[in-house]
Protein backbone atom coordinates (compact mmCIF):
# COMPACT_ATOMS: atom_id res chain seq x y z
CA MET A 1 8.69 -24.87 -1.35
CA ASP A 2 4.81 -25.19 -2.27
CA HIS A 3 3.12 -24.90 -5.80
CA LEU A 4 2.07 -21.07 -4.84
CA ASP A 5 5.52 -20.09 -3.95
CA GLN A 6 6.49 -21.54 -6.78
CA LYS A 7 4.25 -19.71 -9.18
CA ILE A 8 4.68 -16.04 -8.06
CA GLU A 9 8.19 -16.75 -7.68
CA GLU A 10 8.12 -17.48 -11.18
CA GLU A 11 6.27 -14.45 -12.34
CA GLU A 12 8.34 -12.22 -10.24
CA GLU A 13 11.45 -13.62 -12.49
CA GLU A 14 9.68 -13.12 -15.33
CA GLU A 15 8.21 -9.67 -14.90
CA PRO A 16 10.84 -7.00 -15.84
CA TYR A 17 11.41 -8.17 -18.77
CA LEU A 18 7.38 -8.56 -19.59
CA GLN A 19 7.06 -4.79 -18.31
CA ILE A 20 10.16 -3.59 -21.00
CA ILE A 21 8.41 -5.80 -23.80
CA THR A 22 4.98 -3.87 -23.19
CA LEU A 23 6.13 -0.70 -22.43
CA GLN A 24 8.39 -1.17 -26.26
CA PHE A 25 5.00 -2.22 -27.75
CA THR A 26 3.33 0.77 -26.58
CA LEU A 27 5.70 3.65 -27.86
CA CYS A 28 6.06 1.62 -31.11
CA ARG A 29 2.50 0.75 -31.72
CA PRO A 30 1.59 4.84 -32.59
CA ARG A 31 4.38 4.53 -34.95
CA LEU A 32 3.33 1.51 -37.20
CA SER A 33 0.39 2.64 -37.93
CA HIS A 34 1.83 5.40 -40.03
CA ARG A 35 4.54 3.31 -41.57
CA THR A 36 4.82 0.10 -43.23
CA HIS A 37 7.44 -2.90 -41.93
CA THR A 38 9.72 -1.55 -44.59
CA HIS A 39 10.34 1.60 -42.87
CA THR A 40 10.79 1.39 -39.27
CA THR A 41 12.00 3.89 -36.50
CA HIS A 42 15.44 4.27 -34.32
CA THR A 43 13.37 3.64 -31.87
CA HIS A 44 12.38 0.51 -32.95
CA LEU A 45 15.83 -0.82 -33.59
CA LEU A 46 16.42 0.48 -30.01
CA PRO A 47 17.25 -2.23 -27.52
CA PRO A 48 14.67 -2.05 -24.11
CA VAL A 49 17.00 -0.30 -21.71
CA HIS A 50 17.43 2.64 -23.91
CA LEU A 51 13.45 2.68 -24.13
CA LEU A 52 12.94 3.01 -20.44
CA LEU A 53 15.94 6.02 -20.37
CA LEU A 54 14.03 8.06 -23.70
CA LEU A 55 10.98 7.98 -20.67
CA ASP A 56 12.96 9.49 -17.96
CA MET A 57 14.81 12.00 -19.89
CA GLY A 58 11.72 13.36 -22.07
CA LYS A 59 9.87 13.58 -18.29
CA LYS A 60 12.75 15.91 -17.03
CA LYS A 61 12.28 17.94 -20.28
CA LYS A 62 8.99 18.35 -19.63
CA GLY A 63 9.66 19.38 -16.46
CA GLY A 64 12.21 21.54 -17.41
CA LYS A 65 9.73 23.51 -19.53
CA LYS A 66 7.75 25.05 -16.38
CA LYS A 67 9.16 28.20 -15.15
CA GLY A 68 8.73 29.93 -11.96
CA GLY A 69 7.27 26.40 -10.64
CA LYS A 70 4.05 26.76 -11.14
CA SER A 71 1.45 24.43 -11.46
CA ALA A 72 -1.24 24.58 -14.13
CA PRO A 73 -5.07 26.13 -12.63
CA SER A 74 -7.33 23.53 -10.68
CA VAL A 75 -10.45 22.79 -12.43
CA PRO A 76 -13.70 24.68 -10.18
CA SER A 77 -15.25 21.37 -7.97
CA ALA A 78 -19.00 20.58 -8.41
CA THR A 79 -21.14 21.45 -5.64
CA PRO A 80 -21.98 19.92 -2.85
CA GLU A 81 -25.82 19.55 -3.68
CA GLU A 82 -24.20 19.08 -7.54
CA PHE A 83 -22.02 15.87 -6.37
CA ILE A 84 -25.19 14.31 -4.29
CA LYS A 85 -27.48 14.94 -7.59
CA ASN A 86 -25.28 13.45 -9.96
CA TYR A 87 -24.92 10.16 -7.27
CA THR A 88 -28.34 9.67 -7.10
CA MET A 89 -27.47 9.50 -11.12
CA ALA A 90 -25.59 7.09 -10.45
CA CYS A 91 -27.46 5.29 -8.19
CA LYS A 92 -30.38 4.65 -10.61
CA LEU A 93 -27.51 3.65 -13.62
CA TYR A 94 -25.61 0.91 -11.76
CA SER A 95 -29.28 -0.08 -9.87
CA SER A 96 -27.55 0.33 -6.36
CA GLU A 97 -29.46 1.97 -3.68
CA PRO A 98 -28.32 5.95 -2.38
CA SER A 99 -26.81 5.18 0.68
CA ASP A 100 -26.98 7.18 3.62
CA CYS A 101 -23.53 7.52 4.32
CA VAL A 102 -22.86 9.72 1.66
CA LYS A 103 -26.82 11.23 1.24
CA LYS A 104 -26.34 13.09 4.64
CA GLY A 105 -22.79 12.43 5.70
CA LEU A 106 -21.20 15.22 3.24
CA GLU A 107 -22.25 17.71 5.50
CA THR A 108 -20.80 18.44 8.88
CA GLU A 109 -23.33 19.54 12.04
CA GLU A 110 -22.09 22.77 11.37
CA GLY A 111 -22.42 23.13 7.42
CA ALA A 112 -19.51 22.36 6.36
CA VAL A 113 -18.76 19.95 3.68
CA LYS A 114 -16.57 16.88 5.03
CA PRO A 115 -13.36 16.85 2.94
CA TYR A 116 -13.93 12.25 3.03
CA LEU A 117 -15.62 10.52 1.77
CA PHE A 118 -17.17 7.47 4.58
CA ILE A 119 -18.98 4.90 3.52
CA ASP A 120 -19.66 1.90 6.31
CA GLU A 121 -22.70 0.04 4.73
CA ALA A 122 -23.01 -3.09 2.74
CA VAL A 123 -23.71 -1.18 -0.55
CA GLY A 124 -21.63 -3.45 -2.74
CA PRO A 125 -19.76 -3.59 -6.00
CA ALA A 126 -22.47 -0.86 -7.42
CA GLY A 127 -22.78 1.14 -4.68
CA VAL A 128 -19.07 2.06 -4.60
CA ARG A 129 -19.16 2.58 -7.72
CA ALA A 130 -22.12 4.88 -8.30
CA ALA A 131 -20.47 6.80 -5.47
CA THR A 132 -16.94 7.25 -6.98
CA SER A 133 -18.30 7.88 -10.64
CA ALA A 134 -20.40 10.91 -9.01
CA MET A 135 -17.05 11.87 -7.83
CA LEU A 136 -15.43 12.06 -10.78
CA GLY A 137 -18.70 13.69 -12.91
CA ALA A 138 -17.97 12.22 -16.24
CA HIS A 139 -20.73 10.74 -17.22
CA PRO A 140 -22.83 13.30 -20.18
CA ASP A 141 -25.74 13.80 -17.78
CA MET A 142 -23.49 14.78 -14.96
CA LYS A 143 -23.77 18.35 -13.90
CA GLY A 144 -20.62 20.16 -12.44
CA GLY A 145 -17.61 17.83 -13.82
CA LYS A 146 -14.90 16.22 -11.24
CA PHE A 147 -16.20 16.33 -6.93
CA THR A 148 -12.66 17.33 -5.52
CA VAL A 149 -12.84 17.99 -2.61
CA PHE A 150 -12.74 14.47 -0.46
CA THR A 151 -8.77 14.55 0.03
CA SER A 152 -9.36 10.60 1.85
CA MET A 153 -11.87 7.69 0.87
CA ASN A 154 -12.83 5.24 3.45
CA PHE A 155 -14.75 1.82 3.02
CA VAL A 156 -15.73 -0.12 5.95
CA ARG A 157 -17.40 -3.62 5.33
CA CYS A 158 -19.03 -2.57 1.99
CA ASN A 159 -18.95 -5.55 0.07
CA ALA A 160 -16.94 -3.42 -2.59
CA GLN A 161 -15.04 -6.60 -3.52
CA ALA A 162 -13.02 -6.76 -6.35
CA ASP A 163 -15.56 -4.73 -8.85
CA GLY A 164 -15.51 -2.07 -6.04
CA ALA A 165 -11.74 -1.28 -5.45
CA ALA A 166 -11.40 -1.40 -9.05
CA ALA A 167 -13.69 1.97 -9.37
CA VAL A 168 -11.98 3.11 -6.48
CA ALA A 169 -8.91 2.86 -8.40
CA GLU A 170 -9.69 4.71 -11.46
CA VAL A 171 -10.52 7.64 -9.29
CA LEU A 172 -6.67 7.27 -8.54
CA ARG A 173 -5.87 6.52 -12.04
CA VAL A 174 -7.87 9.71 -13.45
CA GLY A 175 -8.35 11.67 -11.30
CA GLY A 176 -5.66 13.55 -11.42
CA PRO A 177 -3.84 16.99 -9.40
CA ASP A 178 -7.71 17.95 -9.20
CA MET A 179 -8.62 14.91 -6.93
CA PRO A 180 -5.66 15.07 -4.17
CA ASN A 181 -6.76 11.67 -1.91
CA THR A 182 -4.16 11.69 -0.06
CA ASN A 183 -5.54 8.73 2.42
CA LEU A 184 -7.62 4.90 1.48
CA LEU A 185 -8.89 2.92 3.69
CA MET A 186 -10.94 0.05 2.89
CA CYS A 187 -11.61 -2.33 5.59
CA ASP A 188 -13.14 -6.11 5.14
CA CYS A 189 -14.24 -5.06 1.64
CA ARG A 190 -13.32 -8.24 0.28
CA ILE A 191 -12.02 -7.23 -2.36
CA GLY A 192 -9.41 -10.17 -3.59
CA GLU A 193 -6.91 -10.50 -5.31
CA ARG A 194 -8.29 -8.83 -8.69
CA GLY A 195 -8.97 -5.69 -6.52
CA CYS A 196 -5.27 -5.70 -4.78
CA GLN A 197 -4.46 -5.78 -9.25
CA ALA A 198 -6.52 -3.00 -9.70
CA LEU A 199 -5.19 -0.96 -6.95
CA GLY A 200 -1.41 -1.65 -7.55
CA ALA A 201 -2.14 -0.70 -11.20
CA ALA A 202 -3.89 2.70 -10.44
CA LEU A 203 -1.09 3.65 -7.79
CA GLY A 204 2.41 2.13 -9.58
CA TYR A 205 5.43 3.90 -12.00
CA GLY A 206 3.68 6.68 -13.76
CA GLY A 207 -0.49 6.37 -11.92
CA ASN A 208 -1.37 8.45 -8.91
CA THR A 209 0.77 10.84 -7.23
CA THR A 210 -0.79 12.21 -4.38
CA LEU A 211 -1.78 9.12 -2.28
CA LYS A 212 -0.11 9.35 0.79
CA ARG A 213 -1.09 6.12 3.41
CA LEU A 214 -3.38 2.74 1.99
CA LYS A 215 -4.63 1.09 4.57
CA LEU A 216 -6.70 -2.45 3.50
CA GLN A 217 -7.66 -4.10 6.53
CA TYR A 218 -9.49 -7.32 8.38
CA ASP A 219 -9.99 -8.73 4.62
CA GLU A 220 -8.63 -12.27 4.20
CA THR A 221 -9.41 -12.77 0.53
CA ILE A 222 -6.61 -10.62 -0.17
CA GLY A 223 -4.50 -13.44 0.26
CA ASP A 224 -0.45 -13.98 -0.07
CA ARG A 225 -1.79 -14.06 -3.78
CA GLY A 226 -2.90 -10.82 -3.27
CA ALA A 227 -0.15 -8.61 -1.59
CA SER A 228 2.04 -9.91 -4.14
CA MET A 229 0.30 -8.69 -7.16
CA LEU A 230 -0.18 -4.96 -4.81
CA SER A 231 3.17 -5.29 -4.14
CA ARG A 232 4.73 -6.10 -7.46
CA SER A 233 3.40 -2.61 -8.71
CA LEU A 234 3.74 -0.58 -5.14
CA ARG A 235 7.56 -1.31 -5.42
CA MET A 236 7.99 1.45 -8.18
CA ASN A 237 5.64 4.31 -6.17
CA GLY A 238 7.48 6.81 -5.14
CA VAL A 239 4.94 8.55 -3.24
CA LEU A 240 3.04 5.98 0.02
CA GLU A 241 4.20 7.06 2.91
CA VAL A 242 1.86 4.92 5.01
CA ILE A 243 1.32 0.57 3.91
CA HIS A 244 -0.74 -1.31 6.22
CA LEU A 245 -1.67 -4.21 5.34
CA GLU A 246 -3.41 -6.35 8.14
CA TYR A 247 -5.39 -9.41 9.04
CA CYS A 248 -5.44 -9.62 5.38
CA ASN A 249 -3.40 -13.82 5.10
CA ILE A 250 -0.81 -12.75 4.42
CA GLY A 251 1.60 -15.75 4.90
CA ALA A 252 5.62 -15.50 3.72
CA VAL A 253 5.06 -16.17 0.46
CA GLY A 254 2.84 -12.71 0.16
CA CYS A 255 5.48 -10.96 2.50
CA ARG A 256 8.72 -11.39 0.90
CA GLY A 257 6.45 -9.13 -2.03
CA VAL A 258 5.64 -6.91 0.42
CA ALA A 259 9.47 -6.54 2.11
CA LYS A 260 10.17 -5.72 -1.59
CA ILE A 261 8.78 -2.63 -1.22
CA LEU A 262 10.96 -1.78 1.09
CA GLU A 263 14.32 -2.51 -1.16
CA TYR A 264 13.17 -0.35 -3.94
CA GLY A 265 15.49 2.88 -3.93
CA GLY A 266 12.97 5.03 -4.30
CA THR A 267 10.51 4.61 -1.81
CA GLN A 268 8.86 6.70 0.55
CA VAL A 269 7.17 4.97 2.91
CA LYS A 270 7.78 5.75 6.15
CA GLU A 271 5.71 2.95 8.20
CA LEU A 272 4.28 -0.53 7.05
CA SER A 273 2.26 -2.42 9.72
CA LEU A 274 1.46 -6.42 8.80
CA GLN A 275 0.01 -7.00 11.91
CA GLY A 276 -2.20 -9.74 11.99
CA ASN A 277 -0.77 -11.80 9.28
CA PRO A 278 1.27 -15.34 9.69
CA ILE A 279 4.66 -14.80 8.05
CA THR A 280 6.23 -16.55 10.20
CA GLY A 281 9.73 -16.59 11.13
CA ILE A 282 9.99 -17.40 7.06
CA GLY A 283 8.86 -13.69 6.88
CA LEU A 284 10.75 -12.45 9.34
CA ASN A 285 14.33 -12.87 6.74
CA SER A 286 12.33 -11.22 4.06
CA ILE A 287 11.55 -8.43 6.28
CA ALA A 288 14.59 -8.72 7.67
CA SER A 289 16.56 -8.54 4.18
CA ALA A 290 14.72 -4.91 3.12
CA LEU A 291 15.35 -3.53 6.34
CA SER A 292 19.48 -4.07 6.03
CA LYS A 293 19.09 -2.36 2.42
CA ASN A 294 16.30 0.06 3.65
CA LEU A 295 16.84 4.21 4.32
CA VAL A 296 13.88 5.58 5.25
CA LEU A 297 11.23 2.90 7.04
CA GLU A 298 10.94 4.64 10.55
CA THR A 299 8.05 2.78 12.34
CA LEU A 300 7.22 -1.43 11.81
CA ASN A 301 3.84 -2.98 13.04
CA LEU A 302 4.91 -7.41 13.11
CA ARG A 303 2.42 -7.98 16.13
CA ASP A 304 0.58 -11.22 16.45
CA CYS A 305 2.51 -12.09 12.98
CA GLY A 306 2.42 -15.96 13.98
CA VAL A 307 5.97 -16.18 15.56
CA GLY A 308 7.25 -18.31 18.02
CA ARG A 309 9.95 -20.11 19.23
CA ASP A 310 10.56 -22.99 16.67
CA SER A 311 13.67 -22.85 14.75
CA ASP A 312 12.54 -21.08 11.68
CA ASP A 313 11.06 -18.04 14.06
CA LEU A 314 13.77 -18.23 16.44
CA ASP A 315 16.37 -18.09 12.90
CA GLY A 316 14.00 -15.34 11.78
CA ILE A 317 14.46 -13.38 14.87
CA GLU A 318 17.89 -13.58 14.59
CA ALA A 319 18.01 -12.69 10.70
CA LEU A 320 15.59 -9.54 11.78
CA LYS A 321 18.33 -8.35 15.44
CA GLU A 322 20.89 -8.06 12.40
CA SER A 323 18.67 -5.79 10.39
CA LEU A 324 18.33 -3.43 13.44
CA VAL A 325 22.22 -3.55 14.09
CA VAL A 326 22.24 -1.98 9.83
CA ASN A 327 19.86 -0.17 9.21
CA GLN A 328 19.42 3.34 10.90
CA THR A 329 16.01 4.63 10.47
CA LEU A 330 13.75 2.79 12.12
CA GLN A 331 12.37 3.95 15.19
CA ALA A 332 9.87 1.92 16.34
CA LEU A 333 9.81 -1.83 16.27
CA GLN A 334 6.28 -3.29 17.48
CA PHE A 335 6.45 -7.37 18.16
CA GLU A 336 4.18 -8.03 21.09
CA GLU A 337 1.71 -11.49 20.48
CA ASN A 338 4.40 -12.99 19.27
CA PHE A 339 4.79 -15.93 21.75
CA ILE A 340 8.97 -15.50 21.34
CA GLY A 341 9.61 -16.73 25.16
CA ASP A 342 12.52 -16.35 26.45
CA GLU A 343 14.70 -17.66 23.00
CA GLY A 344 13.45 -15.45 21.20
CA ALA A 345 13.38 -12.71 24.03
CA GLU A 346 17.48 -13.27 24.41
CA ILE A 347 17.88 -12.31 20.71
CA PHE A 348 16.41 -8.77 21.35
CA ALA A 349 18.50 -8.58 24.76
CA SER A 350 21.79 -9.32 23.05
CA MET A 351 21.79 -5.71 21.41
CA ASP A 352 24.44 -4.05 22.60
CA ASP A 353 23.81 0.28 23.61
CA ASP A 354 24.88 0.77 20.12
CA SER A 355 23.24 -1.29 17.66
CA LYS A 356 20.28 -0.11 19.00
CA LYS A 357 20.91 3.96 19.69
CA ASN A 358 18.14 4.76 16.43
CA LEU A 359 15.38 2.64 18.52
CA LYS A 360 13.18 4.60 20.21
CA GLN A 361 10.59 1.17 20.86
CA LEU A 362 10.91 -2.21 20.99
CA TRP A 363 7.71 -3.97 22.16
CA ILE A 364 7.91 -7.70 23.07
CA GLU A 365 5.24 -10.00 24.19
CA PHE A 366 5.60 -10.53 28.22
CA GLU A 367 3.72 -13.63 28.39
CA GLY A 368 6.33 -15.96 28.60
CA VAL A 369 9.12 -13.97 29.24
CA SER A 370 11.29 -13.78 32.34
CA ALA A 371 10.70 -10.20 33.71
CA GLY A 372 15.36 -9.99 33.42
CA LEU A 373 15.13 -10.55 30.03
CA PHE A 374 12.44 -8.58 28.77
CA ALA A 375 12.88 -5.82 30.69
CA ALA A 376 16.89 -6.38 28.47
CA ALA A 377 15.23 -6.74 25.74
CA SER A 378 12.55 -4.16 25.51
CA ILE A 379 12.85 0.20 24.87
CA SER A 380 10.57 2.40 24.92
CA LYS A 381 11.34 6.22 24.79
CA GLY A 382 14.98 6.06 23.81
CA GLY A 383 15.06 4.19 26.96
CA LYS A 384 15.44 0.82 28.95
CA GLY A 385 12.46 -1.23 30.42
CA GLY A 386 9.14 -3.08 28.82
CA LYS A 387 6.42 -2.32 29.51
CA LYS A 388 3.57 -4.60 29.86
CA GLY A 389 0.29 -2.67 28.91
CA LYS A 390 -2.61 -4.35 28.94
CA LYS A 391 -3.32 -7.73 29.03
CA LYS A 392 -2.01 -10.18 25.64
CA LYS A 393 -3.75 -12.54 24.15
CA LYS A 394 -3.07 -16.31 25.10
CA LYS A 395 -1.23 -18.96 22.88
């Protein structure tokens, strides 16, 4: 076990206790400001687990007061004109040049307002902060309040870095139901560990309740550490349905954290992609363990994950096969560009028809596999028979 693996494992072991202590302190601090230490309340005397139960009971009680299932009236959105003015003002505040992606990309050719924000210029952390500040409209000099039109935020090669990711996290955290963002894409934005931590905090327990799809792609600054930080919060998220962490330099250690998301009983994640991350066979074991317990996942993309033919890799494939026998919800497993050869293909081929009755797609890499084993191991559209598809890259 290397140093990083051991460090993350120690943090994960300590995490539940630390979370509970923090929660207890948050509950008791207002009491202490009005009472002396000689007049402690009953809440002080309860063990941590009772504090958690009180929170859950309070939440249910609050929900029970609602009549007819009616929600609070939505807050009127700022107009597009007000949003652009607020954005221009924010750019001045943060010393950032206004981006045409925002100023000219707000409306379609027909004049309708686009329901998404798309920035693919290197605006930097300040530029991202300017756009999100205009969305929130919270500055005293900004007019119109929140701009609630966007349901999707997309940042591509904009050099957002950690501070930019924190600005996006702020929208998710404080925007509330008035800003129903359901999709977040950050591609090659170099958000790093701190950016992952900020996003995780916004999406963790008690945080955002609208985001359905989270896609972080082509960001080597995330790595094992960033993936572990993000996953630690997402374990308690019961809203996300799609998580893509593709080509983010995540190894077996980070994969272990991501797999734990699937083990959470309240998870709603139906699609997970770890494409392009070198998780190897060791990471496959973590995924397999989670799949054996998961009751929701439907699509798993493990393309180009550095799985080959050595003993660890073959052990991981064997564990994955065994988990597919137990799991009853997975319908598609994409395993191309892992050069597993006949040895790996034979493991998948050994599954009987009853074990893979739920699978509609099981695609493996054709290169290095005999035609017979490829056909026996592959499933396409609910039936046997491989699909070669486009030519795969060589090892």
